[in-house]
Amino acid sequence: MTEGKPTKEEILNALKNVYDPEIPVNIVDLGLVYEIDIRDDGTVYVKMTLTAPGCPIGVFITDQVKQAVMATIPWVKDVEVDLVFDPPWSPDKMSEEAKALLGFT
């Protein structure tokens, strides 16, 4: 990890520690993370979605996103999570590894 401003790759690596408790794949490989913006003020903005709009664990996952980034990257002062449902998530957003693990290939 860098001493100063983190890279998008470092943020994504931190987010690979966040899992939907119902699916054994991290949120990055599931394709739930749409955008990352690393701001100069120490805030990391994460635009993401869930596998379904009515998902009851949305608050749990967004809290996990904040904790994963804050605990992994000391430079980060705050994490802003924007939970969106447009565009909607679909299995085609998953990584090839996730598709194989979940039997989509």
PDB file of N, CA and C in Angstrom:
ATOM      1  N   MET A   1       0.825  -1.192   0.000  1.00  0.00           N
ATOM      2  CA  MET A   1       0.000   0.000   0.000  1.00  0.00           C
ATOM      3  C   MET A   1       0.868   1.253   0.000  1.00  0.00           C
ATOM      4  N   THR A   2       0.352   2.277  -0.623  1.00  0.00           N
ATOM      5  CA  THR A   2       1.091   3.534  -0.685  1.00  0.00           C
ATOM      6  C   THR A   2       0.944   4.290   0.630  1.00  0.00           C
ATOM      7  N   GLU A   3       1.874   5.208   0.876  1.00  0.00           N
ATOM      8  CA  GLU A   3       1.821   6.046   2.081  1.00  0.00           C
ATOM      9  C   GLU A   3       0.764   7.131   1.967  1.00  0.00           C
ATOM     10  N   GLY A   4       0.562   7.635   0.761  1.00  0.00           N
ATOM     11  CA  GLY A   4      -0.394   8.721   0.562  1.00  0.00           C
ATOM     12  C   GLY A   4      -1.729   8.210   0.067  1.00  0.00           C
ATOM     13  N   LYS A   5      -2.271   8.943  -0.865  1.00  0.00           N
ATOM     14  CA  LYS A   5      -3.583   8.625  -1.425  1.00  0.00           C
ATOM     15  C   LYS A   5      -3.588   7.210  -2.000  1.00  0.00           C
ATOM     16  N   PRO A   6      -4.575   6.399  -1.621  1.00  0.00           N
ATOM     17  CA  PRO A   6      -4.612   5.025  -2.120  1.00  0.00           C
ATOM     18  C   PRO A   6      -5.026   4.974  -3.587  1.00  0.00           C
ATOM     19  N   THR A   7      -4.795   3.838  -4.192  1.00  0.00           N
ATOM     20  CA  THR A   7      -5.209   3.621  -5.572  1.00  0.00           C
ATOM     21  C   THR A   7      -6.569   2.928  -5.593  1.00  0.00           C
ATOM     22  N   LYS A   8      -7.210   2.947  -6.730  1.00  0.00           N
ATOM     23  CA  LYS A   8      -8.477   2.243  -6.904  1.00  0.00           C
ATOM     24  C   LYS A   8      -8.276   0.751  -6.627  1.00  0.00           C
ATOM     25  N   GLU A   9      -7.152   0.218  -7.073  1.00  0.00           N
ATOM     26  CA  GLU A   9      -6.851  -1.202  -6.859  1.00  0.00           C
ATOM     27  C   GLU A   9      -6.782  -1.533  -5.366  1.00  0.00           C
ATOM     28  N   GLU A  10      -6.201  -0.653  -4.577  1.00  0.00           N
ATOM     29  CA  GLU A  10      -6.126  -0.870  -3.126  1.00  0.00           C
ATOM     30  C   GLU A  10      -7.513  -0.864  -2.492  1.00  0.00           C
ATOM     31  N   ILE A  11      -8.367   0.033  -2.963  1.00  0.00           N
ATOM     32  CA  ILE A  11      -9.740   0.082  -2.453  1.00  0.00           C
ATOM     33  C   ILE A  11     -10.470  -1.207  -2.851  1.00  0.00           C
ATOM     34  N   LEU A  12     -10.333  -1.622  -4.103  1.00  0.00           N
ATOM     35  CA  LEU A  12     -10.976  -2.856  -4.551  1.00  0.00           C
ATOM     36  C   LEU A  12     -10.483  -4.062  -3.755  1.00  0.00           C
ATOM     37  N   ASN A  13      -9.192  -4.105  -3.464  1.00  0.00           N
ATOM     38  CA  ASN A  13      -8.659  -5.204  -2.657  1.00  0.00           C
ATOM     39  C   ASN A  13      -9.282  -5.220  -1.265  1.00  0.00           C
ATOM     40  N   ALA A  14      -9.483  -4.054  -0.670  1.00  0.00           N
ATOM     41  CA  ALA A  14     -10.143  -3.981   0.640  1.00  0.00           C
ATOM     42  C   ALA A  14     -11.586  -4.467   0.532  1.00  0.00           C
ATOM     43  N   LEU A  15     -12.252  -4.100  -0.559  1.00  0.00           N
ATOM     44  CA  LEU A  15     -13.650  -4.485  -0.738  1.00  0.00           C
ATOM     45  C   LEU A  15     -13.821  -5.973  -1.031  1.00  0.00           C
ATOM     46  N   LYS A  16     -12.760  -6.626  -1.441  1.00  0.00           N
ATOM     47  CA  LYS A  16     -12.837  -8.079  -1.675  1.00  0.00           C
ATOM     48  C   LYS A  16     -12.981  -8.854  -0.366  1.00  0.00           C
ATOM     49  N   ASN A  17     -12.906  -8.149   0.761  1.00  0.00           N
ATOM     50  CA  ASN A  17     -13.137  -8.772   2.064  1.00  0.00           C
ATOM     51  C   ASN A  17     -14.597  -8.665   2.505  1.00  0.00           C
ATOM     52  N   VAL A  18     -15.439  -8.076   1.662  1.00  0.00           N
ATOM     53  CA  VAL A  18     -16.854  -7.901   1.983  1.00  0.00           C
ATOM     54  C   VAL A  18     -17.664  -8.908   1.168  1.00  0.00           C
ATOM     55  N   TYR A  19     -18.462  -9.686   1.875  1.00  0.00           N
ATOM     56  CA  TYR A  19     -19.266 -10.724   1.245  1.00  0.00           C
ATOM     57  C   TYR A  19     -20.737 -10.523   1.551  1.00  0.00           C
ATOM     58  N   ASP A  20     -21.571 -10.848   0.589  1.00  0.00           N
ATOM     59  CA  ASP A  20     -22.990 -10.985   0.840  1.00  0.00           C
ATOM     60  C   ASP A  20     -23.105 -12.270   1.660  1.00  0.00           C
ATOM     61  N   PRO A  21     -23.689 -12.233   2.856  1.00  0.00           N
ATOM     62  CA  PRO A  21     -23.713 -13.427   3.697  1.00  0.00           C
ATOM     63  C   PRO A  21     -24.462 -14.618   3.082  1.00  0.00           C
ATOM     64  N   GLU A  22     -25.267 -14.362   2.074  1.00  0.00           N
ATOM     65  CA  GLU A  22     -26.019 -15.437   1.438  1.00  0.00           C
ATOM     66  C   GLU A  22     -25.309 -16.025   0.227  1.00  0.00           C
ATOM     67  N   ILE A  23     -24.237 -15.367  -0.222  1.00  0.00           N
ATOM     68  CA  ILE A  23     -23.522 -15.807  -1.424  1.00  0.00           C
ATOM     69  C   ILE A  23     -22.027 -15.868  -1.093  1.00  0.00           C
ATOM     70  N   PRO A  24     -21.367 -16.989  -1.367  1.00  0.00           N
ATOM     71  CA  PRO A  24     -19.953 -17.126  -0.995  1.00  0.00           C
ATOM     72  C   PRO A  24     -18.972 -16.448  -1.954  1.00  0.00           C
ATOM     73  N   VAL A  25     -19.315 -15.239  -2.413  1.00  0.00           N
ATOM     74  CA  VAL A  25     -18.470 -14.493  -3.339  1.00  0.00           C
ATOM     75  C   VAL A  25     -18.427 -13.050  -2.859  1.00  0.00           C
ATOM     76  N   ASN A  26     -17.245 -12.423  -2.937  1.00  0.00           N
ATOM     77  CA  ASN A  26     -17.126 -11.035  -2.479  1.00  0.00           C
ATOM     78  C   ASN A  26     -17.860 -10.074  -3.415  1.00  0.00           C
ATOM     79  N   ILE A  27     -18.139  -8.874  -2.902  1.00  0.00           N
ATOM     80  CA  ILE A  27     -18.947  -7.909  -3.645  1.00  0.00           C
ATOM     81  C   ILE A  27     -18.269  -7.398  -4.918  1.00  0.00           C
ATOM     82  N   VAL A  28     -16.947  -7.434  -4.952  1.00  0.00           N
ATOM     83  CA  VAL A  28     -16.231  -6.998  -6.161  1.00  0.00           C
ATOM     84  C   VAL A  28     -16.439  -8.025  -7.268  1.00  0.00           C
ATOM     85  N   ASP A  29     -16.205  -9.299  -6.959  1.00  0.00           N
ATOM     86  CA  ASP A  29     -16.369 -10.335  -7.975  1.00  0.00           C
ATOM     87  C   ASP A  29     -17.832 -10.563  -8.356  1.00  0.00           C
ATOM     88  N   LEU A  30     -18.747 -10.226  -7.445  1.00  0.00           N
ATOM     89  CA  LEU A  30     -20.171 -10.294  -7.790  1.00  0.00           C
ATOM     90  C   LEU A  30     -20.564  -9.190  -8.765  1.00  0.00           C
ATOM     91  N   GLY A  31     -19.731  -8.162  -8.884  1.00  0.00           N
ATOM     92  CA  GLY A  31     -20.038  -7.052  -9.781  1.00  0.00           C
ATOM     93  C   GLY A  31     -20.958  -6.025  -9.152  1.00  0.00           C
ATOM     94  N   LEU A  32     -20.950  -5.960  -7.821  1.00  0.00           N
ATOM     95  CA  LEU A  32     -21.831  -5.020  -7.124  1.00  0.00           C
ATOM     96  C   LEU A  32     -21.238  -3.621  -7.014  1.00  0.00           C
ATOM     97  N   VAL A  33     -19.928  -3.481  -7.204  1.00  0.00           N
ATOM     98  CA  VAL A  33     -19.269  -2.178  -7.102  1.00  0.00           C
ATOM     99  C   VAL A  33     -19.228  -1.545  -8.489  1.00  0.00           C
ATOM    100  N   TYR A  34     -19.911  -0.402  -8.623  1.00  0.00           N
ATOM    101  CA  TYR A  34     -20.004   0.283  -9.909  1.00  0.00           C
ATOM    102  C   TYR A  34     -18.961   1.379 -10.087  1.00  0.00           C
ATOM    103  N   GLU A  35     -18.610   2.050  -9.007  1.00  0.00           N
ATOM    104  CA  GLU A  35     -17.712   3.208  -9.134  1.00  0.00           C
ATOM    105  C   GLU A  35     -16.982   3.444  -7.819  1.00  0.00           C
ATOM    106  N   ILE A  36     -15.732   3.889  -7.938  1.00  0.00           N
ATOM    107  CA  ILE A  36     -14.940   4.291  -6.774  1.00  0.00           C
ATOM    108  C   ILE A  36     -14.319   5.640  -7.103  1.00  0.00           C
ATOM    109  N   ASP A  37     -14.470   6.584  -6.182  1.00  0.00           N
ATOM    110  CA  ASP A  37     -13.855   7.895  -6.345  1.00  0.00           C
ATOM    111  C   ASP A  37     -13.053   8.184  -5.082  1.00  0.00           C
ATOM    112  N   ILE A  38     -11.767   8.386  -5.233  1.00  0.00           N
ATOM    113  CA  ILE A  38     -10.872   8.675  -4.101  1.00  0.00           C
ATOM    114  C   ILE A  38     -10.655  10.182  -4.086  1.00  0.00           C
ATOM    115  N   ARG A  39     -11.249  10.823  -3.114  1.00  0.00           N
ATOM    116  CA  ARG A  39     -11.237  12.288  -3.057  1.00  0.00           C
ATOM    117  C   ARG A  39     -10.049  12.798  -2.236  1.00  0.00           C
ATOM    118  N   ASP A  40      -9.599  13.980  -2.574  1.00  0.00           N
ATOM    119  CA  ASP A  40      -8.434  14.572  -1.917  1.00  0.00           C
ATOM    120  C   ASP A  40      -8.632  14.845  -0.429  1.00  0.00           C
ATOM    121  N   ASP A  41      -9.885  14.944   0.022  1.00  0.00           N
ATOM    122  CA  ASP A  41     -10.145  15.235   1.435  1.00  0.00           C
ATOM    123  C   ASP A  41     -10.105  13.994   2.331  1.00  0.00           C
ATOM    124  N   GLY A  42      -9.732  12.841   1.765  1.00  0.00           N
ATOM    125  CA  GLY A  42      -9.647  11.612   2.555  1.00  0.00           C
ATOM    126  C   GLY A  42     -10.912  10.781   2.524  1.00  0.00           C
ATOM    127  N   THR A  43     -11.872  11.188   1.701  1.00  0.00           N
ATOM    128  CA  THR A  43     -13.116  10.440   1.558  1.00  0.00           C
ATOM    129  C   THR A  43     -13.030   9.521   0.349  1.00  0.00           C
ATOM    130  N   VAL A  44     -13.539   8.320   0.522  1.00  0.00           N
ATOM    131  CA  VAL A  44     -13.672   7.387  -0.595  1.00  0.00           C
ATOM    132  C   VAL A  44     -15.164   7.218  -0.862  1.00  0.00           C
ATOM    133  N   TYR A  45     -15.560   7.495  -2.092  1.00  0.00           N
ATOM    134  CA  TYR A  45     -16.945   7.339  -2.524  1.00  0.00           C
ATOM    135  C   TYR A  45     -17.065   6.009  -3.243  1.00  0.00           C
ATOM    136  N   VAL A  46     -18.032   5.188  -2.808  1.00  0.00           N
ATOM    137  CA  VAL A  46     -18.277   3.898  -3.435  1.00  0.00           C
ATOM    138  C   VAL A  46     -19.725   3.870  -3.899  1.00  0.00           C
ATOM    139  N   LYS A  47     -19.904   3.728  -5.203  1.00  0.00           N
ATOM    140  CA  LYS A  47     -21.242   3.565  -5.776  1.00  0.00           C
ATOM    141  C   LYS A  47     -21.422   2.076  -6.029  1.00  0.00           C
ATOM    142  N   MET A  48     -22.456   1.515  -5.430  1.00  0.00           N
ATOM    143  CA  MET A  48     -22.648   0.069  -5.546  1.00  0.00           C
ATOM    144  C   MET A  48     -24.125  -0.279  -5.554  1.00  0.00           C
ATOM    145  N   THR A  49     -24.396  -1.541  -5.786  1.00  0.00           N
ATOM    146  CA  THR A  49     -25.750  -2.041  -5.788  1.00  0.00           C
ATOM    147  C   THR A  49     -25.805  -3.322  -4.978  1.00  0.00           C
ATOM    148  N   LEU A  50     -26.966  -3.911  -4.936  1.00  0.00           N
ATOM    149  CA  LEU A  50     -27.169  -5.210  -4.302  1.00  0.00           C
ATOM    150  C   LEU A  50     -27.737  -6.156  -5.355  1.00  0.00           C
ATOM    151  N   THR A  51     -27.763  -7.436  -5.050  1.00  0.00           N
ATOM    152  CA  THR A  51     -28.281  -8.392  -6.032  1.00  0.00           C
ATOM    153  C   THR A  51     -29.775  -8.232  -6.264  1.00  0.00           C
ATOM    154  N   ALA A  52     -30.484  -7.640  -5.296  1.00  0.00           N
ATOM    155  CA  ALA A  52     -31.925  -7.392  -5.447  1.00  0.00           C
ATOM    156  C   ALA A  52     -32.295  -6.118  -4.687  1.00  0.00           C
ATOM    157  N   PRO A  53     -33.171  -5.288  -5.238  1.00  0.00           N
ATOM    158  CA  PRO A  53     -33.546  -4.036  -4.574  1.00  0.00           C
ATOM    159  C   PRO A  53     -34.105  -4.217  -3.162  1.00  0.00           C
ATOM    160  N   GLY A  54     -34.841  -5.261  -2.898  1.00  0.00           N
ATOM    161  CA  GLY A  54     -35.431  -5.465  -1.581  1.00  0.00           C
ATOM    162  C   GLY A  54     -34.542  -6.227  -0.622  1.00  0.00           C
ATOM    163  N   CYS A  55     -33.278  -6.350  -0.947  1.00  0.00           N
ATOM    164  CA  CYS A  55     -32.348  -7.132  -0.129  1.00  0.00           C
ATOM    165  C   CYS A  55     -32.320  -6.596   1.310  1.00  0.00           C
ATOM    166  N   PRO A  56     -32.661  -7.460   2.288  1.00  0.00           N
ATOM    167  CA  PRO A  56     -32.746  -7.001   3.671  1.00  0.00           C
ATOM    168  C   PRO A  56     -31.393  -6.738   4.342  1.00  0.00           C
ATOM    169  N   ILE A  57     -30.307  -7.122   3.690  1.00  0.00           N
ATOM    170  CA  ILE A  57     -28.988  -6.944   4.319  1.00  0.00           C
ATOM    171  C   ILE A  57     -28.220  -5.762   3.750  1.00  0.00           C
ATOM    172  N   GLY A  58     -28.916  -4.857   3.062  1.00  0.00           N
ATOM    173  CA  GLY A  58     -28.258  -3.696   2.467  1.00  0.00           C
ATOM    174  C   GLY A  58     -27.482  -2.866   3.469  1.00  0.00           C
ATOM    175  N   VAL A  59     -28.078  -2.580   4.625  1.00  0.00           N
ATOM    176  CA  VAL A  59     -27.405  -1.779   5.649  1.00  0.00           C
ATOM    177  C   VAL A  59     -26.176  -2.526   6.171  1.00  0.00           C
ATOM    178  N   PHE A  60     -26.299  -3.821   6.359  1.00  0.00           N
ATOM    179  CA  PHE A  60     -25.174  -4.639   6.818  1.00  0.00           C
ATOM    180  C   PHE A  60     -24.009  -4.552   5.826  1.00  0.00           C
ATOM    181  N   ILE A  61     -24.302  -4.709   4.549  1.00  0.00           N
ATOM    182  CA  ILE A  61     -23.238  -4.687   3.533  1.00  0.00           C
ATOM    183  C   ILE A  61     -22.607  -3.302   3.430  1.00  0.00           C
ATOM    184  N   THR A  62     -23.405  -2.241   3.450  1.00  0.00           N
ATOM    185  CA  THR A  62     -22.814  -0.902   3.352  1.00  0.00           C
ATOM    186  C   THR A  62     -21.938  -0.604   4.576  1.00  0.00           C
ATOM    187  N   ASP A  63     -22.352  -1.072   5.750  1.00  0.00           N
ATOM    188  CA  ASP A  63     -21.502  -0.916   6.935  1.00  0.00           C
ATOM    189  C   ASP A  63     -20.202  -1.693   6.784  1.00  0.00           C
ATOM    190  N   GLN A  64     -20.280  -2.884   6.219  1.00  0.00           N
ATOM    191  CA  GLN A  64     -19.087  -3.695   5.993  1.00  0.00           C
ATOM    192  C   GLN A  64     -18.141  -3.026   4.990  1.00  0.00           C
ATOM    193  N   VAL A  65     -18.696  -2.383   3.974  1.00  0.00           N
ATOM    194  CA  VAL A  65     -17.883  -1.654   2.998  1.00  0.00           C
ATOM    195  C   VAL A  65     -17.088  -0.564   3.706  1.00  0.00           C
ATOM    196  N   LYS A  66     -17.765   0.228   4.525  1.00  0.00           N
ATOM    197  CA  LYS A  66     -17.096   1.305   5.256  1.00  0.00           C
ATOM    198  C   LYS A  66     -16.002   0.757   6.160  1.00  0.00           C
ATOM    199  N   GLN A  67     -16.323  -0.277   6.915  1.00  0.00           N
ATOM    200  CA  GLN A  67     -15.348  -0.853   7.844  1.00  0.00           C
ATOM    201  C   GLN A  67     -14.144  -1.445   7.115  1.00  0.00           C
ATOM    202  N   ALA A  68     -14.386  -2.134   6.005  1.00  0.00           N
ATOM    203  CA  ALA A  68     -13.287  -2.772   5.268  1.00  0.00           C
ATOM    204  C   ALA A  68     -12.293  -1.738   4.753  1.00  0.00           C
ATOM    205  N   VAL A  69     -12.795  -0.643   4.205  1.00  0.00           N
ATOM    206  CA  VAL A  69     -11.904   0.386   3.655  1.00  0.00           C
ATOM    207  C   VAL A  69     -11.192   1.138   4.782  1.00  0.00           C
ATOM    208  N   MET A  70     -11.947   1.535   5.798  1.00  0.00           N
ATOM    209  CA  MET A  70     -11.361   2.311   6.900  1.00  0.00           C
ATOM    210  C   MET A  70     -10.307   1.492   7.667  1.00  0.00           C
ATOM    211  N   ALA A  71     -10.547   0.205   7.854  1.00  0.00           N
ATOM    212  CA  ALA A  71      -9.632  -0.631   8.616  1.00  0.00           C
ATOM    213  C   ALA A  71      -8.376  -0.992   7.826  1.00  0.00           C
ATOM    214  N   THR A  72      -8.485  -1.000   6.523  1.00  0.00           N
ATOM    215  CA  THR A  72      -7.377  -1.445   5.670  1.00  0.00           C
ATOM    216  C   THR A  72      -6.471  -0.308   5.225  1.00  0.00           C
ATOM    217  N   ILE A  73      -7.043   0.872   5.030  1.00  0.00           N
ATOM    218  CA  ILE A  73      -6.294   1.981   4.428  1.00  0.00           C
ATOM    219  C   ILE A  73      -6.309   3.186   5.365  1.00  0.00           C
ATOM    220  N   PRO A  74      -5.210   3.397   6.104  1.00  0.00           N
ATOM    221  CA  PRO A  74      -5.152   4.473   7.103  1.00  0.00           C
ATOM    222  C   PRO A  74      -5.404   5.874   6.541  1.00  0.00           C
ATOM    223  N   TRP A  75      -5.083   6.124   5.312  1.00  0.00           N
ATOM    224  CA  TRP A  75      -5.251   7.444   4.696  1.00  0.00           C
ATOM    225  C   TRP A  75      -6.714   7.874   4.672  1.00  0.00           C
ATOM    226  N   VAL A  76      -7.621   6.915   4.599  1.00  0.00           N
ATOM    227  CA  VAL A  76      -9.045   7.195   4.434  1.00  0.00           C
ATOM    228  C   VAL A  76      -9.651   7.711   5.735  1.00  0.00           C
ATOM    229  N   LYS A  77     -10.314   8.867   5.646  1.00  0.00           N
ATOM    230  CA  LYS A  77     -10.972   9.477   6.802  1.00  0.00           C
ATOM    231  C   LYS A  77     -12.458   9.143   6.858  1.00  0.00           C
ATOM    232  N   ASP A  78     -13.062   8.905   5.687  1.00  0.00           N
ATOM    233  CA  ASP A  78     -14.487   8.592   5.639  1.00  0.00           C
ATOM    234  C   ASP A  78     -14.785   7.812   4.367  1.00  0.00           C
ATOM    235  N   VAL A  79     -15.844   7.017   4.418  1.00  0.00           N
ATOM    236  CA  VAL A  79     -16.302   6.268   3.248  1.00  0.00           C
ATOM    237  C   VAL A  79     -17.769   6.589   3.053  1.00  0.00           C
ATOM    238  N   GLU A  80     -18.084   7.072   1.873  1.00  0.00           N
ATOM    239  CA  GLU A  80     -19.461   7.389   1.504  1.00  0.00           C
ATOM    240  C   GLU A  80     -19.950   6.304   0.552  1.00  0.00           C
ATOM    241  N   VAL A  81     -20.980   5.590   0.948  1.00  0.00           N
ATOM    242  CA  VAL A  81     -21.524   4.519   0.118  1.00  0.00           C
ATOM    243  C   VAL A  81     -22.857   4.967  -0.466  1.00  0.00           C
ATOM    244  N   ASP A  82     -22.933   4.955  -1.776  1.00  0.00           N
ATOM    245  CA  ASP A  82     -24.145   5.321  -2.500  1.00  0.00           C
ATOM    246  C   ASP A  82     -24.749   4.034  -3.049  1.00  0.00           C
ATOM    247  N   LEU A  83     -25.847   3.595  -2.456  1.00  0.00           N
ATOM    248  CA  LEU A  83     -26.512   2.370  -2.866  1.00  0.00           C
ATOM    249  C   LEU A  83     -27.534   2.698  -3.944  1.00  0.00           C
ATOM    250  N   VAL A  84     -27.312   2.172  -5.152  1.00  0.00           N
ATOM    251  CA  VAL A  84     -28.175   2.471  -6.293  1.00  0.00           C
ATOM    252  C   VAL A  84     -28.732   1.173  -6.885  1.00  0.00           C
ATOM    253  N   PHE A  85     -29.803   1.309  -7.626  1.00  0.00           N
ATOM    254  CA  PHE A  85     -30.391   0.137  -8.286  1.00  0.00           C
ATOM    255  C   PHE A  85     -30.590   0.363  -9.778  1.00  0.00           C
ATOM    256  N   ASP A  86     -29.947   1.397 -10.295  1.00  0.00           N
ATOM    257  CA  ASP A  86     -29.965   1.675 -11.717  1.00  0.00           C
ATOM    258  C   ASP A  86     -28.544   1.975 -12.155  1.00  0.00           C
ATOM    259  N   PRO A  87     -27.920   1.168 -12.945  1.00  0.00           N
ATOM    260  CA  PRO A  87     -28.502   0.007 -13.596  1.00  0.00           C
ATOM    261  C   PRO A  87     -28.673  -1.152 -12.621  1.00  0.00           C
ATOM    262  N   PRO A  88     -29.689  -1.980 -12.866  1.00  0.00           N
ATOM    263  CA  PRO A  88     -29.895  -3.120 -11.988  1.00  0.00           C
ATOM    264  C   PRO A  88     -28.784  -4.152 -12.144  1.00  0.00           C
ATOM    265  N   TRP A  89     -28.514  -4.855 -11.057  1.00  0.00           N
ATOM    266  CA  TRP A  89     -27.504  -5.915 -11.096  1.00  0.00           C
ATOM    267  C   TRP A  89     -28.050  -7.118 -11.853  1.00  0.00           C
ATOM    268  N   SER A  90     -27.160  -7.810 -12.531  1.00  0.00           N
ATOM    269  CA  SER A  90     -27.506  -9.078 -13.174  1.00  0.00           C
ATOM    270  C   SER A  90     -26.266  -9.971 -13.120  1.00  0.00           C
ATOM    271  N   PRO A  91     -26.447 -11.275 -13.223  1.00  0.00           N
ATOM    272  CA  PRO A  91     -25.310 -12.192 -13.136  1.00  0.00           C
ATOM    273  C   PRO A  91     -24.205 -11.938 -14.159  1.00  0.00           C
ATOM    274  N   ASP A  92     -24.522 -11.273 -15.273  1.00  0.00           N
ATOM    275  CA  ASP A  92     -23.477 -11.004 -16.267  1.00  0.00           C
ATOM    276  C   ASP A  92     -22.442  -9.997 -15.773  1.00  0.00           C
ATOM    277  N   LYS A  93     -22.692  -9.330 -14.642  1.00  0.00           N
ATOM    278  CA  LYS A  93     -21.729  -8.384 -14.070  1.00  0.00           C
ATOM    279  C   LYS A  93     -20.651  -9.091 -13.236  1.00  0.00           C
ATOM    280  N   MET A  94     -20.843 -10.380 -12.973  1.00  0.00           N
ATOM    281  CA  MET A  94     -19.891 -11.127 -12.141  1.00  0.00           C
ATOM    282  C   MET A  94     -18.587 -11.413 -12.896  1.00  0.00           C
ATOM    283  N   SER A  95     -17.521 -11.566 -12.125  1.00  0.00           N
ATOM    284  CA  SER A  95     -16.242 -11.980 -12.720  1.00  0.00           C
ATOM    285  C   SER A  95     -16.391 -13.423 -13.201  1.00  0.00           C
ATOM    286  N   GLU A  96     -15.492 -13.828 -14.073  1.00  0.00           N
ATOM    287  CA  GLU A  96     -15.518 -15.208 -14.575  1.00  0.00           C
ATOM    288  C   GLU A  96     -15.349 -16.210 -13.431  1.00  0.00           C
ATOM    289  N   GLU A  97     -14.511 -15.863 -12.451  1.00  0.00           N
ATOM    290  CA  GLU A  97     -14.293 -16.749 -11.306  1.00  0.00           C
ATOM    291  C   GLU A  97     -15.579 -16.924 -10.507  1.00  0.00           C
ATOM    292  N   ALA A  98     -16.307 -15.829 -10.289  1.00  0.00           N
ATOM    293  CA  ALA A  98     -17.565 -15.896  -9.547  1.00  0.00           C
ATOM    294  C   ALA A  98     -18.599 -16.713 -10.310  1.00  0.00           C
ATOM    295  N   LYS A  99     -18.676 -16.503 -11.622  1.00  0.00           N
ATOM    296  CA  LYS A  99     -19.626 -17.270 -12.436  1.00  0.00           C
ATOM    297  C   LYS A  99     -19.331 -18.763 -12.338  1.00  0.00           C
ATOM    298  N   ALA A 100     -18.049 -19.115 -12.390  1.00  0.00           N
ATOM    299  CA  ALA A 100     -17.671 -20.522 -12.310  1.00  0.00           C
ATOM    300  C   ALA A 100     -18.013 -21.096 -10.922  1.00  0.00           C
ATOM    301  N   LEU A 101     -17.715 -20.343  -9.878  1.00  0.00           N
ATOM    302  CA  LEU A 101     -17.988 -20.802  -8.519  1.00  0.00           C
ATOM    303  C   LEU A 101     -19.480 -21.016  -8.279  1.00  0.00           C
ATOM    304  N   LEU A 102     -20.305 -20.144  -8.849  1.00  0.00           N
ATOM    305  CA  LEU A 102     -21.739 -20.224  -8.627  1.00  0.00           C
ATOM    306  C   LEU A 102     -22.475 -21.016  -9.720  1.00  0.00           C
ATOM    307  N   GLY A 103     -21.719 -21.609 -10.656  1.00  0.00           N
ATOM    308  CA  GLY A 103     -22.315 -22.463 -11.676  1.00  0.00           C
ATOM    309  C   GLY A 103     -22.986 -21.739 -12.829  1.00  0.00           C
ATOM    310  N   PHE A 104     -22.523 -20.519 -13.140  1.00  0.00           N
ATOM    311  CA  PHE A 104     -23.112 -19.755 -14.234  1.00  0.00           C
ATOM    312  C   PHE A 104     -22.372 -19.967 -15.557  1.00  0.00           C
ATOM    313  N   THR A 105     -21.360 -20.826 -15.571  1.00  0.00           N
ATOM    314  CA  THR A 105     -20.631 -21.042 -16.830  1.00  0.00           C
ATOM    315  C   THR A 105     -20.822 -22.441 -17.343  1.00  0.00           C
TER     316      THR A 105
END
